[in-house]
Amino acid sequence: MRLSVRSAAALLLSIPISILHPADVQAAACSAAPGPNVIWINCDKRGIDLSGADLRGAILTRTDLQDADLSNALLTGIELNFANLRGARLDGARADNARMLSVDLSGANLSGAIMDGTTFNRARLIDADLTDAQLRKASFYQAEMTGAKLTGAQLQDARLSQARADRTDFTGANLSGADLQQTVLEHATLRGATLRGANLERASLLFADLGGADLSEARLVNADISSAVFEEATLDNTQWVNRRRCRPGSIGECR
């Protein structure tokens, strides 16, 4: 039987404090029905079907949602700090301004999700699918994104500083104004990506493919671009690794 938050609270209040056990409190909270502002902390919700559910403002800290289905769910303002969402579905979900600190989204499907302003600091997104996701002003500080797919993603003004994004696919993504300082982008694919005004200072771009990318007015000061590909890349007024400003009209190499 599923209990609403109000019913669970009433049940707990009916039990004498002297016999109330912490495990009983947690079990009652975890049995609360899904809904806005629900509180599930450290609950086991593996494989649960929450597709299309309204969980706006919910607190799911440390909850196990491995392989759960949250596709097309309303998750605005949700708190998923330290939660396990390995292999979960969040495709088409609306999770803007959510908090996902240190969440594990490895192998998860977030394609087409709306997550503008969401915090993924120190999260694990290894091999996650974020194709066409909307991530404007999202924060991925020190996140692990190895092998993730962000083709066509909207990452304008996003923060990816000190993230590990080696072998990550940013093909056609929009990273205009993004903070990529000290980001590891080794063997990453950024073909046709927009990085206008992005800050890649001290980033590692070893063997990265930036063919056809727009790096106009981007900053690459002290970045490691060994064996990186810039074929047909636009470098108008780009600040190069040696602090030299590329001339307008520079294509493929800083002139």
Protein backbone atom coordinates (compact mmCIF):
# COMPACT_ATOMS: atom_id res chain seq x y z
CA MET A 1 0.00 0.00 0.00
CA ARG A 2 1.33 3.43 -0.91
CA LEU A 3 0.90 6.27 1.54
CA SER A 4 0.74 9.95 0.82
CA VAL A 5 3.18 12.19 2.69
CA ARG A 6 0.30 13.42 4.88
CA SER A 7 -0.91 9.87 5.64
CA ALA A 8 2.60 8.71 6.51
CA ALA A 9 3.02 11.65 8.86
CA ALA A 10 -0.32 10.93 10.54
CA LEU A 11 0.64 7.29 11.00
CA LEU A 12 3.91 8.22 12.65
CA LEU A 13 2.24 10.70 14.97
CA SER A 14 -0.15 8.00 16.15
CA ILE A 15 2.76 5.86 17.39
CA PRO A 16 4.10 6.59 20.89
CA ILE A 17 7.51 8.22 20.69
CA SER A 18 8.93 5.69 23.16
CA ILE A 19 8.44 2.78 20.73
CA LEU A 20 9.24 4.60 17.49
CA HIS A 21 12.35 3.15 15.84
CA PRO A 22 14.44 5.12 13.30
CA ALA A 23 14.04 2.26 10.83
CA ASP A 24 10.25 2.58 11.09
CA VAL A 25 10.46 6.30 10.36
CA GLN A 26 12.55 5.67 7.25
CA ALA A 27 10.29 2.84 6.06
CA ALA A 28 7.22 5.06 6.38
CA ALA A 29 8.91 7.91 4.51
CA CYS A 30 10.12 5.58 1.74
CA SER A 31 6.59 4.19 1.31
CA ALA A 32 5.17 7.66 0.60
CA ALA A 33 3.56 7.94 -2.82
CA PRO A 34 5.52 9.79 -5.52
CA GLY A 35 4.49 13.39 -5.91
CA PRO A 36 5.71 16.99 -5.64
CA ASN A 37 7.97 17.61 -2.61
CA VAL A 38 8.02 13.93 -1.63
CA ILE A 39 10.94 13.05 0.67
CA TRP A 40 12.73 9.78 -0.07
CA ILE A 41 16.11 9.75 1.67
CA ASN A 42 18.30 6.65 1.39
CA CYS A 43 15.39 4.67 -0.07
CA ASP A 44 15.56 1.63 -2.33
CA LYS A 45 13.67 2.51 -5.51
CA ARG A 46 15.62 0.38 -7.98
CA GLY A 47 13.79 -0.21 -11.25
CA ILE A 48 10.77 1.88 -10.22
CA ASP A 49 8.54 3.23 -12.99
CA LEU A 50 8.20 7.00 -12.52
CA SER A 51 7.74 7.87 -16.17
CA GLY A 52 5.78 11.10 -16.48
CA ALA A 53 5.61 11.51 -12.69
CA ASP A 54 5.50 14.94 -11.04
CA LEU A 55 8.40 15.06 -8.57
CA ARG A 56 9.03 18.79 -8.58
CA GLY A 57 10.84 19.90 -5.43
CA ALA A 58 11.30 16.31 -4.21
CA ILE A 59 14.25 15.31 -2.02
CA LEU A 60 15.78 11.99 -3.07
CA THR A 61 19.18 12.27 -1.42
CA ARG A 62 21.19 9.02 -1.46
CA THR A 63 18.23 7.12 -2.91
CA ASP A 64 18.94 4.09 -5.09
CA LEU A 65 17.20 4.61 -8.45
CA GLN A 66 19.34 2.29 -10.53
CA ASP A 67 17.57 1.34 -13.77
CA ALA A 68 14.55 3.46 -12.78
CA ASP A 69 12.34 5.00 -15.47
CA LEU A 70 11.94 8.76 -15.03
CA SER A 71 11.41 9.51 -18.70
CA ASN A 72 9.30 12.62 -19.32
CA ALA A 73 9.06 13.20 -15.56
CA LEU A 74 8.74 16.67 -14.03
CA LEU A 75 11.86 17.07 -11.88
CA THR A 76 12.29 20.84 -11.61
CA GLY A 77 14.14 21.73 -8.40
CA ILE A 78 14.56 18.08 -7.38
CA GLU A 79 17.44 17.13 -5.07
CA LEU A 80 19.28 13.96 -6.08
CA ASN A 81 22.56 14.50 -4.27
CA PHE A 82 24.61 11.28 -3.91
CA ALA A 83 21.79 9.25 -5.51
CA ASN A 84 22.39 6.18 -7.67
CA LEU A 85 20.85 6.53 -11.14
CA ARG A 86 23.08 4.12 -13.02
CA GLY A 87 21.33 3.00 -16.19
CA ALA A 88 18.25 5.08 -15.38
CA ARG A 89 16.01 6.71 -18.00
CA LEU A 90 15.55 10.47 -17.79
CA ASP A 91 15.03 11.07 -21.50
CA GLY A 92 12.62 13.91 -22.12
CA ALA A 93 12.50 14.78 -18.41
CA ARG A 94 12.28 18.37 -17.22
CA ALA A 95 14.91 18.77 -14.49
CA ASP A 96 15.91 22.42 -14.64
CA ASN A 97 17.54 23.96 -11.56
CA ALA A 98 17.93 20.52 -9.98
CA ARG A 99 20.73 19.57 -7.57
CA MET A 100 22.64 16.43 -8.51
CA LEU A 101 25.87 16.72 -6.54
CA SER A 102 27.98 13.55 -6.74
CA VAL A 103 25.09 11.67 -8.35
CA ASP A 104 25.95 8.53 -10.34
CA LEU A 105 24.38 8.73 -13.81
CA SER A 106 26.76 6.32 -15.51
CA GLY A 107 25.09 4.77 -18.54
CA ALA A 108 21.91 6.77 -17.96
CA ASN A 109 19.76 8.10 -20.80
CA LEU A 110 19.19 11.87 -20.49
CA SER A 111 18.64 12.55 -24.17
CA GLY A 112 16.39 15.51 -24.89
CA ALA A 113 16.08 16.35 -21.20
CA ILE A 114 15.70 19.98 -20.10
CA MET A 115 18.25 20.61 -17.36
CA ASP A 116 19.09 24.30 -17.61
CA GLY A 117 20.80 25.57 -14.45
CA THR A 118 21.16 22.10 -12.95
CA THR A 119 24.19 21.28 -10.77
CA PHE A 120 26.14 18.10 -11.58
CA ASN A 121 29.29 18.97 -9.63
CA ARG A 122 31.49 15.90 -9.03
CA ALA A 123 28.83 13.71 -10.64
CA ARG A 124 29.60 10.52 -12.59
CA LEU A 125 28.22 10.59 -16.13
CA ILE A 126 30.44 7.94 -17.65
CA ASP A 127 28.97 6.71 -20.96
CA ALA A 128 25.76 8.68 -20.28
CA ASP A 129 23.62 9.79 -23.24
CA LEU A 130 22.84 13.52 -23.17
CA THR A 131 22.09 13.90 -26.86
CA ASP A 132 20.19 17.14 -27.59
CA ALA A 133 19.86 17.86 -23.86
CA GLN A 134 19.33 21.48 -22.78
CA LEU A 135 22.03 22.33 -20.24
CA ARG A 136 22.38 26.10 -20.38
CA LYS A 137 24.25 27.43 -17.33
CA ALA A 138 24.46 23.91 -15.89
CA SER A 139 27.49 23.11 -13.74
CA PHE A 140 29.68 20.02 -14.23
CA TYR A 141 32.60 21.11 -12.03
CA GLN A 142 34.98 18.16 -11.56
CA ALA A 143 32.41 15.78 -13.06
CA GLU A 144 33.49 12.48 -14.65
CA MET A 145 32.10 12.42 -18.18
CA THR A 146 34.36 9.93 -19.95
CA GLY A 147 32.67 8.48 -23.01
CA ALA A 148 29.49 10.53 -22.56
CA LYS A 149 27.47 11.55 -25.62
CA LEU A 150 26.49 15.23 -25.82
CA THR A 151 25.90 15.59 -29.53
CA GLY A 152 23.71 18.61 -30.24
CA ALA A 153 23.53 19.51 -26.55
CA GLN A 154 22.88 23.13 -25.58
CA LEU A 155 25.63 24.06 -23.09
CA GLN A 156 25.75 27.84 -23.42
CA ASP A 157 27.50 29.42 -20.40
CA ALA A 158 27.81 26.01 -18.74
CA ARG A 159 30.59 25.31 -16.25
CA LEU A 160 32.74 22.28 -17.05
CA SER A 161 35.95 23.42 -15.37
CA GLN A 162 38.21 20.59 -14.16
CA ALA A 163 35.77 18.01 -15.54
CA ARG A 164 37.09 14.81 -17.08
CA ALA A 165 35.55 14.55 -20.54
CA ASP A 166 38.02 12.39 -22.41
CA ARG A 167 36.56 10.52 -25.40
CA THR A 168 33.34 12.48 -24.92
CA ASP A 169 31.31 13.35 -28.04
CA PHE A 170 30.33 17.02 -28.32
CA THR A 171 29.63 16.92 -32.06
CA GLY A 172 27.44 19.89 -33.01
CA ALA A 173 27.04 20.95 -29.37
CA ASN A 174 26.73 24.63 -28.43
CA LEU A 175 29.34 25.54 -25.80
CA SER A 176 29.30 29.31 -26.37
CA GLY A 177 30.68 31.11 -23.31
CA ALA A 178 31.29 27.82 -21.50
CA ASP A 179 33.94 27.54 -18.77
CA LEU A 180 36.28 24.70 -19.77
CA GLN A 181 39.30 25.71 -17.73
CA GLN A 182 41.56 22.74 -16.93
CA THR A 183 39.01 20.38 -18.48
CA VAL A 184 40.37 17.07 -19.79
CA LEU A 185 39.15 16.73 -23.38
CA GLU A 186 41.67 14.19 -24.61
CA HIS A 187 40.47 12.25 -27.68
CA ALA A 188 37.16 14.14 -27.41
CA THR A 189 35.10 14.89 -30.52
CA LEU A 190 34.01 18.52 -30.95
CA ARG A 191 33.44 18.53 -34.70
CA GLY A 192 31.13 21.36 -35.74
CA ALA A 193 30.71 22.46 -32.14
CA THR A 194 30.20 26.12 -31.25
CA LEU A 195 32.72 27.37 -28.70
CA ARG A 196 32.43 31.10 -29.30
CA GLY A 197 33.88 32.96 -26.32
CA ALA A 198 34.52 29.72 -24.42
CA ASN A 199 37.37 29.62 -21.90
CA LEU A 200 39.67 26.63 -22.50
CA GLU A 201 42.62 27.97 -20.53
CA ARG A 202 44.93 25.11 -19.44
CA ALA A 203 42.54 22.54 -20.90
CA SER A 204 43.99 19.27 -22.20
CA LEU A 205 43.02 18.78 -25.85
CA LEU A 206 45.43 15.99 -26.76
CA PHE A 207 44.20 14.28 -29.94
CA ALA A 208 40.87 16.15 -29.69
CA ASP A 209 38.97 16.65 -32.95
CA LEU A 210 37.79 20.25 -33.40
CA GLY A 211 37.31 20.06 -37.15
CA GLY A 212 34.84 22.70 -38.33
CA ALA A 213 34.30 24.02 -34.81
CA ASP A 214 33.70 27.72 -34.18
CA LEU A 215 36.30 28.97 -31.70
CA SER A 216 35.83 32.66 -32.41
CA GLU A 217 36.99 34.78 -29.44
CA ALA A 218 37.66 31.61 -27.43
CA ARG A 219 40.58 31.52 -24.99
CA LEU A 220 43.12 28.70 -25.28
CA VAL A 221 45.93 30.19 -23.20
CA ASN A 222 48.30 27.46 -21.98
CA ALA A 223 46.03 24.71 -23.30
CA ASP A 224 47.69 21.48 -24.45
CA ILE A 225 46.71 21.06 -28.10
CA SER A 226 49.23 18.36 -28.99
CA SER A 227 47.98 16.36 -32.00
CA ALA A 228 44.61 18.14 -31.84
CA VAL A 229 42.74 18.62 -35.14
CA PHE A 230 41.64 22.15 -36.11
CA GLU A 231 40.85 21.50 -39.77
CA GLU A 232 38.36 24.11 -41.05
CA ALA A 233 37.91 25.45 -37.51
CA THR A 234 37.02 29.15 -37.25
CA LEU A 235 39.60 31.02 -35.17
CA ASP A 236 38.48 34.65 -35.50
CA ASN A 237 40.07 36.67 -32.67
CA THR A 238 40.83 33.46 -30.77
CA GLN A 239 43.43 33.86 -28.03
CA TRP A 240 45.93 31.14 -28.81
CA VAL A 241 47.99 28.97 -26.44
CA ASN A 242 50.84 31.50 -26.50
CA ARG A 243 48.43 34.37 -25.75
CA ARG A 244 48.67 35.61 -29.35
CA ARG A 245 45.37 36.82 -30.80
CA CYS A 246 44.45 35.10 -34.07
CA ARG A 247 43.62 37.40 -36.96
CA PRO A 248 40.02 37.66 -38.17
CA GLY A 249 39.44 35.18 -40.95
CA SER A 250 41.79 32.56 -39.51
CA ILE A 251 40.59 29.12 -40.55
CA GLY A 252 42.26 25.90 -39.48
CA GLU A 253 45.29 27.65 -37.99
CA CYS A 254 45.99 30.78 -35.97
CA ARG A 255 47.35 33.45 -38.32
